Amino acid sequence: MANVHYRLVEHEGGWVYKAGDVFSERYATYEEAREAAERTAAEQRLPGATEDIEFQDEVGDWHEEVSPGQDRPETDVTG
């Protein structure tokens, strides 16, 4: 099972949460960013519909696979 880690950091005069190298929008306070990160982490754990997906990997190759709606990542928020 995949793990998604959201980390809170100061950024451009405010606060953001990051997943890997991707930044969220900027929030004025740490508390606002924390609430948004917790909300996002909870949404990632919700089951969805099983569907066919297509994605491009880091070297530019395209892949097709079935994404089971019950196959949700574990999430956490730090910082």
PDB file of N, CA and C in Angstrom:
ATOM      1  N   MET A   1       0.847  -1.176   0.000  1.00  0.00           N
ATOM      2  CA  MET A   1       0.000   0.000   0.000  1.00  0.00           C
ATOM      3  C   MET A   1       0.895   1.242   0.000  1.00  0.00           C
ATOM      4  N   ALA A   2       0.487   2.235  -0.735  1.00  0.00           N
ATOM      5  CA  ALA A   2       1.253   3.483  -0.831  1.00  0.00           C
ATOM      6  C   ALA A   2       1.064   4.333   0.422  1.00  0.00           C
ATOM      7  N   ASN A   3       2.066   5.150   0.690  1.00  0.00           N
ATOM      8  CA  ASN A   3       2.003   6.122   1.781  1.00  0.00           C
ATOM      9  C   ASN A   3       2.184   7.509   1.187  1.00  0.00           C
ATOM     10  N   VAL A   4       1.315   8.446   1.578  1.00  0.00           N
ATOM     11  CA  VAL A   4       1.428   9.830   1.146  1.00  0.00           C
ATOM     12  C   VAL A   4       1.695  10.670   2.389  1.00  0.00           C
ATOM     13  N   HIS A   5       2.816  11.379   2.383  1.00  0.00           N
ATOM     14  CA  HIS A   5       3.216  12.194   3.522  1.00  0.00           C
ATOM     15  C   HIS A   5       3.058  13.668   3.165  1.00  0.00           C
ATOM     16  N   TYR A   6       2.288  14.379   3.955  1.00  0.00           N
ATOM     17  CA  TYR A   6       2.128  15.819   3.791  1.00  0.00           C
ATOM     18  C   TYR A   6       2.948  16.499   4.877  1.00  0.00           C
ATOM     19  N   ARG A   7       3.781  17.449   4.461  1.00  0.00           N
ATOM     20  CA  ARG A   7       4.663  18.133   5.405  1.00  0.00           C
ATOM     21  C   ARG A   7       4.378  19.628   5.353  1.00  0.00           C
ATOM     22  N   LEU A   8       4.188  20.246   6.508  1.00  0.00           N
ATOM     23  CA  LEU A   8       3.934  21.685   6.598  1.00  0.00           C
ATOM     24  C   LEU A   8       5.255  22.439   6.635  1.00  0.00           C
ATOM     25  N   VAL A   9       5.345  23.478   5.800  1.00  0.00           N
ATOM     26  CA  VAL A   9       6.558  24.293   5.755  1.00  0.00           C
ATOM     27  C   VAL A   9       6.188  25.755   5.524  1.00  0.00           C
ATOM     28  N   GLU A  10       7.048  26.655   6.016  1.00  0.00           N
ATOM     29  CA  GLU A  10       6.883  28.074   5.709  1.00  0.00           C
ATOM     30  C   GLU A  10       7.285  28.301   4.263  1.00  0.00           C
ATOM     31  N   HIS A  11       6.527  29.172   3.579  1.00  0.00           N
ATOM     32  CA  HIS A  11       6.814  29.404   2.163  1.00  0.00           C
ATOM     33  C   HIS A  11       6.234  30.753   1.742  1.00  0.00           C
ATOM     34  N   GLU A  12       7.066  31.609   1.192  1.00  0.00           N
ATOM     35  CA  GLU A  12       6.677  32.900   0.640  1.00  0.00           C
ATOM     36  C   GLU A  12       5.782  33.710   1.568  1.00  0.00           C
ATOM     37  N   GLY A  13       6.196  33.816   2.811  1.00  0.00           N
ATOM     38  CA  GLY A  13       5.482  34.639   3.777  1.00  0.00           C
ATOM     39  C   GLY A  13       4.245  34.005   4.373  1.00  0.00           C
ATOM     40  N   GLY A  14       4.053  32.725   4.165  1.00  0.00           N
ATOM     41  CA  GLY A  14       2.903  32.020   4.719  1.00  0.00           C
ATOM     42  C   GLY A  14       3.267  30.579   4.975  1.00  0.00           C
ATOM     43  N   TRP A  15       2.278  29.721   4.908  1.00  0.00           N
ATOM     44  CA  TRP A  15       2.468  28.295   5.161  1.00  0.00           C
ATOM     45  C   TRP A  15       1.854  27.477   4.029  1.00  0.00           C
ATOM     46  N   VAL A  16       2.484  26.366   3.697  1.00  0.00           N
ATOM     47  CA  VAL A  16       1.985  25.426   2.702  1.00  0.00           C
ATOM     48  C   VAL A  16       2.174  24.022   3.234  1.00  0.00           C
ATOM     49  N   TYR A  17       1.509  23.076   2.600  1.00  0.00           N
ATOM     50  CA  TYR A  17       1.861  21.680   2.841  1.00  0.00           C
ATOM     51  C   TYR A  17       2.409  21.127   1.543  1.00  0.00           C
ATOM     52  N   LYS A  18       3.331  20.179   1.674  1.00  0.00           N
ATOM     53  CA  LYS A  18       3.990  19.567   0.522  1.00  0.00           C
ATOM     54  C   LYS A  18       3.734  18.067   0.526  1.00  0.00           C
ATOM     55  N   ALA A  19       3.586  17.529  -0.669  1.00  0.00           N
ATOM     56  CA  ALA A  19       3.586  16.082  -0.874  1.00  0.00           C
ATOM     57  C   ALA A  19       4.706  15.845  -1.871  1.00  0.00           C
ATOM     58  N   GLY A  20       5.818  15.304  -1.401  1.00  0.00           N
ATOM     59  CA  GLY A  20       7.006  15.188  -2.252  1.00  0.00           C
ATOM     60  C   GLY A  20       7.534  16.578  -2.544  1.00  0.00           C
ATOM     61  N   ASP A  21       7.663  16.916  -3.820  1.00  0.00           N
ATOM     62  CA  ASP A  21       8.150  18.236  -4.218  1.00  0.00           C
ATOM     63  C   ASP A  21       7.020  19.174  -4.627  1.00  0.00           C
ATOM     64  N   VAL A  22       5.773  18.782  -4.406  1.00  0.00           N
ATOM     65  CA  VAL A  22       4.623  19.570  -4.839  1.00  0.00           C
ATOM     66  C   VAL A  22       4.082  20.386  -3.668  1.00  0.00           C
ATOM     67  N   PHE A  23       3.935  21.703  -3.902  1.00  0.00           N
ATOM     68  CA  PHE A  23       3.418  22.618  -2.891  1.00  0.00           C
ATOM     69  C   PHE A  23       1.915  22.809  -3.053  1.00  0.00           C
ATOM     70  N   SER A  24       1.228  22.983  -1.935  1.00  0.00           N
ATOM     71  CA  SER A  24      -0.179  23.385  -1.963  1.00  0.00           C
ATOM     72  C   SER A  24      -0.245  24.886  -2.215  1.00  0.00           C
ATOM     73  N   GLU A  25      -1.458  25.401  -2.238  1.00  0.00           N
ATOM     74  CA  GLU A  25      -1.600  26.854  -2.242  1.00  0.00           C
ATOM     75  C   GLU A  25      -1.083  27.387  -0.905  1.00  0.00           C
ATOM     76  N   ARG A  26      -0.809  28.689  -0.835  1.00  0.00           N
ATOM     77  CA  ARG A  26      -0.259  29.293   0.379  1.00  0.00           C
ATOM     78  C   ARG A  26      -1.398  29.694   1.311  1.00  0.00           C
ATOM     79  N   TYR A  27      -1.188  29.469   2.594  1.00  0.00           N
ATOM     80  CA  TYR A  27      -2.138  29.856   3.637  1.00  0.00           C
ATOM     81  C   TYR A  27      -1.482  30.878   4.545  1.00  0.00           C
ATOM     82  N   ALA A  28      -2.281  31.782   5.074  1.00  0.00           N
ATOM     83  CA  ALA A  28      -1.750  32.870   5.899  1.00  0.00           C
ATOM     84  C   ALA A  28      -1.198  32.369   7.231  1.00  0.00           C
ATOM     85  N   THR A  29      -1.812  31.331   7.790  1.00  0.00           N
ATOM     86  CA  THR A  29      -1.373  30.854   9.104  1.00  0.00           C
ATOM     87  C   THR A  29      -1.048  29.361   9.058  1.00  0.00           C
ATOM     88  N   TYR A  30      -0.272  28.950  10.028  1.00  0.00           N
ATOM     89  CA  TYR A  30       0.064  27.537  10.186  1.00  0.00           C
ATOM     90  C   TYR A  30      -1.209  26.718  10.401  1.00  0.00           C
ATOM     91  N   GLU A  31      -2.122  27.240  11.229  1.00  0.00           N
ATOM     92  CA  GLU A  31      -3.349  26.516  11.546  1.00  0.00           C
ATOM     93  C   GLU A  31      -4.192  26.272  10.299  1.00  0.00           C
ATOM     94  N   GLU A  32      -4.297  27.265   9.422  1.00  0.00           N
ATOM     95  CA  GLU A  32      -5.055  27.086   8.180  1.00  0.00           C
ATOM     96  C   GLU A  32      -4.415  26.025   7.294  1.00  0.00           C
ATOM     97  N   ALA A  33      -3.098  26.058   7.197  1.00  0.00           N
ATOM     98  CA  ALA A  33      -2.386  25.069   6.386  1.00  0.00           C
ATOM     99  C   ALA A  33      -2.542  23.682   6.988  1.00  0.00           C
ATOM    100  N   ARG A  34      -2.472  23.572   8.291  1.00  0.00           N
ATOM    101  CA  ARG A  34      -2.614  22.279   8.969  1.00  0.00           C
ATOM    102  C   ARG A  34      -4.002  21.698   8.726  1.00  0.00           C
ATOM    103  N   GLU A  35      -5.035  22.539   8.861  1.00  0.00           N
ATOM    104  CA  GLU A  35      -6.400  22.074   8.625  1.00  0.00           C
ATOM    105  C   GLU A  35      -6.575  21.602   7.183  1.00  0.00           C
ATOM    106  N   ALA A  36      -6.024  22.343   6.230  1.00  0.00           N
ATOM    107  CA  ALA A  36      -6.127  21.969   4.819  1.00  0.00           C
ATOM    108  C   ALA A  36      -5.390  20.657   4.553  1.00  0.00           C
ATOM    109  N   ALA A  37      -4.222  20.494   5.142  1.00  0.00           N
ATOM    110  CA  ALA A  37      -3.448  19.265   4.959  1.00  0.00           C
ATOM    111  C   ALA A  37      -4.182  18.064   5.563  1.00  0.00           C
ATOM    112  N   GLU A  38      -4.753  18.238   6.740  1.00  0.00           N
ATOM    113  CA  GLU A  38      -5.498  17.155   7.385  1.00  0.00           C
ATOM    114  C   GLU A  38      -6.722  16.784   6.551  1.00  0.00           C
ATOM    115  N   ARG A  39      -7.415  17.781   6.012  1.00  0.00           N
ATOM    116  CA  ARG A  39      -8.584  17.546   5.162  1.00  0.00           C
ATOM    117  C   ARG A  39      -8.181  16.780   3.890  1.00  0.00           C
ATOM    118  N   THR A  40      -7.084  17.216   3.271  1.00  0.00           N
ATOM    119  CA  THR A  40      -6.594  16.557   2.058  1.00  0.00           C
ATOM    120  C   THR A  40      -6.180  15.125   2.345  1.00  0.00           C
ATOM    121  N   ALA A  41      -5.477  14.913   3.452  1.00  0.00           N
ATOM    122  CA  ALA A  41      -5.045  13.560   3.824  1.00  0.00           C
ATOM    123  C   ALA A  41      -6.249  12.649   4.046  1.00  0.00           C
ATOM    124  N   ALA A  42      -7.285  13.163   4.696  1.00  0.00           N
ATOM    125  CA  ALA A  42      -8.496  12.362   4.942  1.00  0.00           C
ATOM    126  C   ALA A  42      -9.190  12.019   3.628  1.00  0.00           C
ATOM    127  N   GLU A  43      -9.256  12.975   2.699  1.00  0.00           N
ATOM    128  CA  GLU A  43      -9.894  12.725   1.403  1.00  0.00           C
ATOM    129  C   GLU A  43      -9.157  11.646   0.612  1.00  0.00           C
ATOM    130  N   GLN A  44      -7.850  11.581   0.756  1.00  0.00           N
ATOM    131  CA  GLN A  44      -7.071  10.568   0.034  1.00  0.00           C
ATOM    132  C   GLN A  44      -7.395   9.153   0.506  1.00  0.00           C
ATOM    133  N   ARG A  45      -7.857   9.021   1.737  1.00  0.00           N
ATOM    134  CA  ARG A  45      -8.161   7.700   2.290  1.00  0.00           C
ATOM    135  C   ARG A  45      -9.565   7.210   1.940  1.00  0.00           C
ATOM    136  N   LEU A  46     -10.420   8.075   1.379  1.00  0.00           N
ATOM    137  CA  LEU A  46     -11.797   7.688   1.065  1.00  0.00           C
ATOM    138  C   LEU A  46     -11.833   6.738  -0.128  1.00  0.00           C
ATOM    139  N   PRO A  47     -12.622   5.679  -0.033  1.00  0.00           N
ATOM    140  CA  PRO A  47     -12.732   4.776  -1.172  1.00  0.00           C
ATOM    141  C   PRO A  47     -13.464   5.465  -2.326  1.00  0.00           C
ATOM    142  N   GLY A  48     -13.178   5.000  -3.505  1.00  0.00           N
ATOM    143  CA  GLY A  48     -13.812   5.548  -4.699  1.00  0.00           C
ATOM    144  C   GLY A  48     -14.237   4.429  -5.619  1.00  0.00           C
ATOM    145  N   ALA A  49     -14.533   4.786  -6.855  1.00  0.00           N
ATOM    146  CA  ALA A  49     -14.946   3.805  -7.853  1.00  0.00           C
ATOM    147  C   ALA A  49     -13.720   3.171  -8.501  1.00  0.00           C
ATOM    148  N   THR A  50     -13.852   1.906  -8.878  1.00  0.00           N
ATOM    149  CA  THR A  50     -12.800   1.255  -9.654  1.00  0.00           C
ATOM    150  C   THR A  50     -12.877   1.800 -11.069  1.00  0.00           C
ATOM    151  N   GLU A  51     -11.738   2.220 -11.620  1.00  0.00           N
ATOM    152  CA  GLU A  51     -11.744   2.817 -12.950  1.00  0.00           C
ATOM    153  C   GLU A  51     -10.437   2.541 -13.679  1.00  0.00           C
ATOM    154  N   ASP A  52     -10.511   2.618 -14.996  1.00  0.00           N
ATOM    155  CA  ASP A  52      -9.315   2.523 -15.824  1.00  0.00           C
ATOM    156  C   ASP A  52      -8.616   3.870 -15.792  1.00  0.00           C
ATOM    157  N   ILE A  53      -7.300   3.864 -15.616  1.00  0.00           N
ATOM    158  CA  ILE A  53      -6.543   5.112 -15.606  1.00  0.00           C
ATOM    159  C   ILE A  53      -5.392   5.024 -16.600  1.00  0.00           C
ATOM    160  N   GLU A  54      -4.951   6.161 -17.043  1.00  0.00           N
ATOM    161  CA  GLU A  54      -3.804   6.281 -17.929  1.00  0.00           C
ATOM    162  C   GLU A  54      -2.893   7.329 -17.319  1.00  0.00           C
ATOM    163  N   PHE A  55      -1.589   7.037 -17.238  1.00  0.00           N
ATOM    164  CA  PHE A  55      -0.659   7.988 -16.642  1.00  0.00           C
ATOM    165  C   PHE A  55       0.690   7.918 -17.329  1.00  0.00           C
ATOM    166  N   GLN A  56       1.431   9.002 -17.178  1.00  0.00           N
ATOM    167  CA  GLN A  56       2.767   9.093 -17.750  1.00  0.00           C
ATOM    168  C   GLN A  56       3.783   8.993 -16.623  1.00  0.00           C
ATOM    169  N   ASP A  57       4.795   8.143 -16.792  1.00  0.00           N
ATOM    170  CA  ASP A  57       5.810   7.996 -15.753  1.00  0.00           C
ATOM    171  C   ASP A  57       6.893   9.064 -15.894  1.00  0.00           C
ATOM    172  N   GLU A  58       7.870   9.003 -14.997  1.00  0.00           N
ATOM    173  CA  GLU A  58       8.911  10.032 -14.929  1.00  0.00           C
ATOM    174  C   GLU A  58       9.808  10.094 -16.165  1.00  0.00           C
ATOM    175  N   VAL A  59       9.837   9.037 -16.966  1.00  0.00           N
ATOM    176  CA  VAL A  59      10.655   9.054 -18.189  1.00  0.00           C
ATOM    177  C   VAL A  59       9.822   9.313 -19.442  1.00  0.00           C
ATOM    178  N   GLY A  60       8.519   9.575 -19.256  1.00  0.00           N
ATOM    179  CA  GLY A  60       7.670   9.955 -20.375  1.00  0.00           C
ATOM    180  C   GLY A  60       6.886   8.828 -21.017  1.00  0.00           C
ATOM    181  N   ASP A  61       6.987   7.603 -20.502  1.00  0.00           N
ATOM    182  CA  ASP A  61       6.229   6.484 -21.055  1.00  0.00           C
ATOM    183  C   ASP A  61       4.815   6.482 -20.477  1.00  0.00           C
ATOM    184  N   TRP A  62       3.837   6.169 -21.328  1.00  0.00           N
ATOM    185  CA  TRP A  62       2.440   6.112 -20.908  1.00  0.00           C
ATOM    186  C   TRP A  62       2.069   4.690 -20.508  1.00  0.00           C
ATOM    187  N   HIS A  63       1.207   4.589 -19.478  1.00  0.00           N
ATOM    188  CA  HIS A  63       0.762   3.300 -18.958  1.00  0.00           C
ATOM    189  C   HIS A  63      -0.746   3.336 -18.752  1.00  0.00           C
ATOM    190  N   GLU A  64      -1.385   2.178 -18.903  1.00  0.00           N
ATOM    191  CA  GLU A  64      -2.798   2.011 -18.600  1.00  0.00           C
ATOM    192  C   GLU A  64      -2.919   0.913 -17.555  1.00  0.00           C
ATOM    193  N   GLU A  65      -3.788   1.138 -16.582  1.00  0.00           N
ATOM    194  CA  GLU A  65      -4.043   0.111 -15.578  1.00  0.00           C
ATOM    195  C   GLU A  65      -5.399   0.355 -14.945  1.00  0.00           C
ATOM    196  N   VAL A  66      -5.842  -0.610 -14.169  1.00  0.00           N
ATOM    197  CA  VAL A  66      -7.091  -0.483 -13.437  1.00  0.00           C
ATOM    198  C   VAL A  66      -6.756  -0.018 -12.033  1.00  0.00           C
ATOM    199  N   SER A  67      -7.444   1.028 -11.602  1.00  0.00           N
ATOM    200  CA  SER A  67      -7.254   1.554 -10.254  1.00  0.00           C
ATOM    201  C   SER A  67      -8.441   1.123  -9.396  1.00  0.00           C
ATOM    202  N   PRO A  68      -8.227   0.143  -8.495  1.00  0.00           N
ATOM    203  CA  PRO A  68      -9.336  -0.300  -7.649  1.00  0.00           C
ATOM    204  C   PRO A  68      -9.725   0.793  -6.653  1.00  0.00           C
ATOM    205  N   GLY A  69     -10.990   1.057  -6.521  1.00  0.00           N
ATOM    206  CA  GLY A  69     -11.459   2.127  -5.647  1.00  0.00           C
ATOM    207  C   GLY A  69     -11.169   1.902  -4.176  1.00  0.00           C
ATOM    208  N   GLN A  70     -10.914   0.667  -3.808  1.00  0.00           N
ATOM    209  CA  GLN A  70     -10.628   0.365  -2.400  1.00  0.00           C
ATOM    210  C   GLN A  70      -9.139   0.433  -2.086  1.00  0.00           C
ATOM    211  N   ASP A  71      -8.310   0.613  -3.086  1.00  0.00           N
ATOM    212  CA  ASP A  71      -6.853   0.632  -2.929  1.00  0.00           C
ATOM    213  C   ASP A  71      -6.394   2.056  -2.610  1.00  0.00           C
ATOM    214  N   ARG A  72      -6.605   2.505  -1.389  1.00  0.00           N
ATOM    215  CA  ARG A  72      -6.317   3.870  -0.991  1.00  0.00           C
ATOM    216  C   ARG A  72      -4.994   3.933  -0.209  1.00  0.00           C
ATOM    217  N   PRO A  73      -4.268   5.022  -0.313  1.00  0.00           N
ATOM    218  CA  PRO A  73      -3.001   5.126   0.408  1.00  0.00           C
ATOM    219  C   PRO A  73      -3.209   5.427   1.886  1.00  0.00           C
ATOM    220  N   GLU A  74      -2.184   5.130   2.656  1.00  0.00           N
ATOM    221  CA  GLU A  74      -2.134   5.610   4.033  1.00  0.00           C
ATOM    222  C   GLU A  74      -1.568   7.027   3.964  1.00  0.00           C
ATOM    223  N   THR A  75      -2.029   7.907   4.835  1.00  0.00           N
ATOM    224  CA  THR A  75      -1.582   9.299   4.801  1.00  0.00           C
ATOM    225  C   THR A  75      -1.193   9.765   6.194  1.00  0.00           C
ATOM    226  N   ASP A  76      -0.331  10.789   6.228  1.00  0.00           N
ATOM    227  CA  ASP A  76      -0.023  11.438   7.500  1.00  0.00           C
ATOM    228  C   ASP A  76       0.405  12.878   7.224  1.00  0.00           C
ATOM    229  N   VAL A  77       0.320  13.696   8.262  1.00  0.00           N
ATOM    230  CA  VAL A  77       0.693  15.106   8.189  1.00  0.00           C
ATOM    231  C   VAL A  77       1.717  15.362   9.282  1.00  0.00           C
ATOM    232  N   THR A  78       2.848  15.978   8.887  1.00  0.00           N
ATOM    233  CA  THR A  78       3.889  16.315   9.860  1.00  0.00           C
ATOM    234  C   THR A  78       4.288  17.769   9.692  1.00  0.00           C
ATOM    235  N   GLY A  79       4.937  18.286  10.710  1.00  0.00           N
ATOM    236  CA  GLY A  79       5.473  19.649  10.629  1.00  0.00           C
ATOM    237  C   GLY A  79       4.717  20.629  11.445  1.00  0.00           C
TER     238      GLY A  79
END
